[in-house]
Amino acid sequence: MHEYVIMWSRPKAVRSMLLDLSSMARDTANRLTSIWRAIVKNALIALGGSADLQSLYSIIQGEAPDKLQANKNWQAKIRQVLQTYKDFSPVERGVWKLA
């Protein structure tokens, strides 16, 4: 007769879950900075909460050049974001503010 002893250790489920959650949070934060809505909102915040389109265009050109290369009609996309979301409200023609 033979005796066998099988030894195993539990996986570090809690540790791996926390690592997964932290990496998911990091990925989400990276994605949020590249969303057009967040880009426009951050630009308006940097400009004091209200700005004309030309100022927005110039600040976004400096902050998100990779998004501009991916979208050839980036100025139209900025106007679309301003008109779509309730985070922004028009002051007058060509001037927007944070709602």
C-alpha atoms as a PDB file:
ATOM      1  CA  MET A   1       0.000   0.000   0.000  1.00  0.00           C
ATOM      2  CA  HIS A   2       1.009   3.539  -0.659  1.00  0.00           C
ATOM      3  CA  GLU A   3      -0.016   6.715   1.015  1.00  0.00           C
ATOM      4  CA  TYR A   4      -0.245   9.969  -0.834  1.00  0.00           C
ATOM      5  CA  VAL A   5      -0.305  13.384   0.697  1.00  0.00           C
ATOM      6  CA  ILE A   6      -1.686  16.119  -1.514  1.00  0.00           C
ATOM      7  CA  MET A   7      -0.863  19.636  -0.464  1.00  0.00           C
ATOM      8  CA  TRP A   8      -2.131  22.743  -2.110  1.00  0.00           C
ATOM      9  CA  SER A   9      -2.464  26.337  -1.157  1.00  0.00           C
ATOM     10  CA  ARG A  10      -5.421  28.534  -1.723  1.00  0.00           C
ATOM     11  CA  PRO A  11      -5.033  31.123  -4.397  1.00  0.00           C
ATOM     12  CA  LYS A  12      -4.655  34.645  -3.169  1.00  0.00           C
ATOM     13  CA  ALA A  13      -8.167  35.508  -4.325  1.00  0.00           C
ATOM     14  CA  VAL A  14      -8.521  38.628  -2.214  1.00  0.00           C
ATOM     15  CA  ARG A  15      -5.138  39.950  -3.269  1.00  0.00           C
ATOM     16  CA  SER A  16      -5.711  39.202  -6.936  1.00  0.00           C
ATOM     17  CA  MET A  17      -9.182  40.738  -6.780  1.00  0.00           C
ATOM     18  CA  LEU A  18      -7.751  43.939  -5.291  1.00  0.00           C
ATOM     19  CA  LEU A  19      -5.047  44.039  -7.942  1.00  0.00           C
ATOM     20  CA  ASP A  20      -7.680  43.555 -10.640  1.00  0.00           C
ATOM     21  CA  LEU A  21      -9.809  46.346  -9.169  1.00  0.00           C
ATOM     22  CA  SER A  22      -6.870  48.730  -9.001  1.00  0.00           C
ATOM     23  CA  SER A  23      -5.896  48.021 -12.595  1.00  0.00           C
ATOM     24  CA  MET A  24      -9.520  48.486 -13.685  1.00  0.00           C
ATOM     25  CA  ALA A  25      -9.655  51.825 -11.869  1.00  0.00           C
ATOM     26  CA  ARG A  26      -6.410  52.915 -13.522  1.00  0.00           C
ATOM     27  CA  ASP A  27      -7.679  51.884 -16.964  1.00  0.00           C
ATOM     28  CA  THR A  28     -10.952  53.735 -16.390  1.00  0.00           C
ATOM     29  CA  ALA A  29      -9.118  56.871 -15.326  1.00  0.00           C
ATOM     30  CA  ASN A  30      -6.960  56.688 -18.457  1.00  0.00           C
ATOM     31  CA  ARG A  31     -10.047  56.222 -20.613  1.00  0.00           C
ATOM     32  CA  LEU A  32     -11.849  59.119 -18.960  1.00  0.00           C
ATOM     33  CA  THR A  33      -9.088  61.519 -19.817  1.00  0.00           C
ATOM     34  CA  SER A  34      -9.445  60.574 -23.443  1.00  0.00           C
ATOM     35  CA  ILE A  35     -13.232  60.980 -23.705  1.00  0.00           C
ATOM     36  CA  TRP A  36     -14.252  64.057 -25.694  1.00  0.00           C
ATOM     37  CA  ARG A  37     -16.698  65.156 -23.022  1.00  0.00           C
ATOM     38  CA  ALA A  38     -13.963  65.112 -20.369  1.00  0.00           C
ATOM     39  CA  ILE A  39     -11.510  66.878 -22.671  1.00  0.00           C
ATOM     40  CA  VAL A  40     -13.947  69.726 -23.388  1.00  0.00           C
ATOM     41  CA  LYS A  41     -14.948  69.976 -19.734  1.00  0.00           C
ATOM     42  CA  ASN A  42     -11.328  70.155 -18.587  1.00  0.00           C
ATOM     43  CA  ALA A  43     -10.591  72.821 -21.189  1.00  0.00           C
ATOM     44  CA  LEU A  44     -13.534  74.932 -20.003  1.00  0.00           C
ATOM     45  CA  ILE A  45     -12.406  74.552 -16.399  1.00  0.00           C
ATOM     46  CA  ALA A  46      -8.903  75.656 -17.391  1.00  0.00           C
ATOM     47  CA  LEU A  47     -10.400  78.718 -19.098  1.00  0.00           C
ATOM     48  CA  GLY A  48     -12.341  79.744 -16.012  1.00  0.00           C
ATOM     49  CA  GLY A  49     -15.651  78.047 -16.772  1.00  0.00           C
ATOM     50  CA  SER A  50     -16.587  80.106 -19.824  1.00  0.00           C
ATOM     51  CA  ALA A  51     -14.898  80.546 -23.187  1.00  0.00           C
ATOM     52  CA  ASP A  52     -15.403  81.171 -26.872  1.00  0.00           C
ATOM     53  CA  LEU A  53     -14.868  78.387 -29.391  1.00  0.00           C
ATOM     54  CA  GLN A  54     -11.496  79.672 -30.623  1.00  0.00           C
ATOM     55  CA  SER A  55     -10.083  79.602 -27.082  1.00  0.00           C
ATOM     56  CA  LEU A  56     -11.436  76.082 -26.604  1.00  0.00           C
ATOM     57  CA  TYR A  57      -9.908  74.946 -29.876  1.00  0.00           C
ATOM     58  CA  SER A  58      -6.491  76.339 -28.985  1.00  0.00           C
ATOM     59  CA  ILE A  59      -6.416  74.829 -25.489  1.00  0.00           C
ATOM     60  CA  ILE A  60      -7.609  71.420 -26.688  1.00  0.00           C
ATOM     61  CA  GLN A  61      -4.984  71.454 -29.435  1.00  0.00           C
ATOM     62  CA  GLY A  62      -2.309  71.645 -26.763  1.00  0.00           C
ATOM     63  CA  GLU A  63      -3.879  69.148 -24.352  1.00  0.00           C
ATOM     64  CA  ALA A  64      -5.073  66.315 -26.588  1.00  0.00           C
ATOM     65  CA  PRO A  65      -3.056  66.126 -29.813  1.00  0.00           C
ATOM     66  CA  ASP A  66      -3.565  62.336 -30.073  1.00  0.00           C
ATOM     67  CA  LYS A  67      -7.368  62.730 -30.153  1.00  0.00           C
ATOM     68  CA  LEU A  68      -7.066  65.396 -32.841  1.00  0.00           C
ATOM     69  CA  GLN A  69      -5.027  63.113 -35.062  1.00  0.00           C
ATOM     70  CA  ALA A  70      -7.625  60.359 -34.666  1.00  0.00           C
ATOM     71  CA  ASN A  71     -10.504  62.668 -35.657  1.00  0.00           C
ATOM     72  CA  LYS A  72     -10.008  64.955 -38.645  1.00  0.00           C
ATOM     73  CA  ASN A  73     -13.211  66.883 -37.854  1.00  0.00           C
ATOM     74  CA  TRP A  74     -12.253  67.563 -34.243  1.00  0.00           C
ATOM     75  CA  GLN A  75     -13.653  71.110 -34.221  1.00  0.00           C
ATOM     76  CA  ALA A  76     -17.060  69.790 -35.269  1.00  0.00           C
ATOM     77  CA  LYS A  77     -16.760  67.089 -32.598  1.00  0.00           C
ATOM     78  CA  ILE A  78     -16.130  69.746 -29.928  1.00  0.00           C
ATOM     79  CA  ARG A  79     -19.217  71.670 -31.057  1.00  0.00           C
ATOM     80  CA  GLN A  80     -21.231  68.435 -31.020  1.00  0.00           C
ATOM     81  CA  VAL A  81     -20.119  67.676 -27.459  1.00  0.00           C
ATOM     82  CA  LEU A  82     -21.032  71.199 -26.340  1.00  0.00           C
ATOM     83  CA  GLN A  83     -24.499  70.902 -27.872  1.00  0.00           C
ATOM     84  CA  THR A  84     -25.189  67.331 -26.747  1.00  0.00           C
ATOM     85  CA  TYR A  85     -24.372  67.238 -23.047  1.00  0.00           C
ATOM     86  CA  LYS A  86     -26.126  69.153 -20.299  1.00  0.00           C
ATOM     87  CA  ASP A  87     -22.749  69.891 -18.693  1.00  0.00           C
ATOM     88  CA  PHE A  88     -22.442  72.858 -21.064  1.00  0.00           C
ATOM     89  CA  SER A  89     -24.739  75.760 -21.833  1.00  0.00           C
ATOM     90  CA  PRO A  90     -24.472  78.508 -24.449  1.00  0.00           C
ATOM     91  CA  VAL A  91     -23.937  82.085 -23.313  1.00  0.00           C
ATOM     92  CA  GLU A  92     -24.176  83.635 -26.760  1.00  0.00           C
ATOM     93  CA  ARG A  93     -23.269  82.566 -30.264  1.00  0.00           C
ATOM     94  CA  GLY A  94     -19.857  80.902 -30.125  1.00  0.00           C
ATOM     95  CA  VAL A  95     -19.457  81.258 -26.348  1.00  0.00           C
ATOM     96  CA  TRP A  96     -20.061  78.370 -23.953  1.00  0.00           C
ATOM     97  CA  LYS A  97     -19.930  77.884 -20.194  1.00  0.00           C
ATOM     98  CA  LEU A  98     -20.157  75.052 -17.709  1.00  0.00           C
ATOM     99  CA  ALA A  99     -23.726  74.454 -16.581  1.00  0.00           C
END
